[in-house]
């Protein structure tokens, strides 16, 4: 026998090798499947028991709707009849008749004497009032310019003797003296209030204010 024939006889048959390989693969797959499924069997059984123990849900139908009560119509109460009002007629009164006097003439009506009315204190009166003056302050500008003169003021005095308004009735010829006299009388002078029927009233009074240099 030649060497070629021996080589052919020693090579295995291809069908037998394929069968052996497939058998080995199937055996390996079965072994792996058994290994994987064996520990999962208790878990699958427990899950099936839990699914079987789920309680059934029963749906309760809502109660039927109750219709609303019928509307009640409110009727107004009848008003009681008004009681009749009896008006008594007014008796006729005869006009008074004047009784003639002995001489046959009508009596003269009695006239009451006029009552004394209080004096109107809203309108100030004109009066000559006593006053208490404060020491006169000579304006500095008038001293520098050697100005002097007399200012005649018209002063409105209230019921308490305080001046409330001062007007220049006749000026001194110098505005600085007129302004100083008005301000000093309004701020510092006091008067005796005018009296009418025993009541103090507002009054206008005239007072002179003299600025003389030799008096300093």
Foldseek 3Di string as FASTA:
>chain_A
DDPVVVVVVVDDDVVVVVVVVVVVVVVVVVVVVCVVVVVCVVVVVVVVVVVVPDDDDDDDDDDDDDDDDDDDDDDDDDDDDDDDDDDDDDDDDDDDDFDADPVRDGDDDDDDDDDDDDDDQPDAAADAWDKDADDQDDDPVCVVVVDWFKWKKKFKAALQFATDDIDTPDDGPDPVVNVSVRVRNNPGMGIHFDADPRGGHIHIHIDMDTGDDVVD
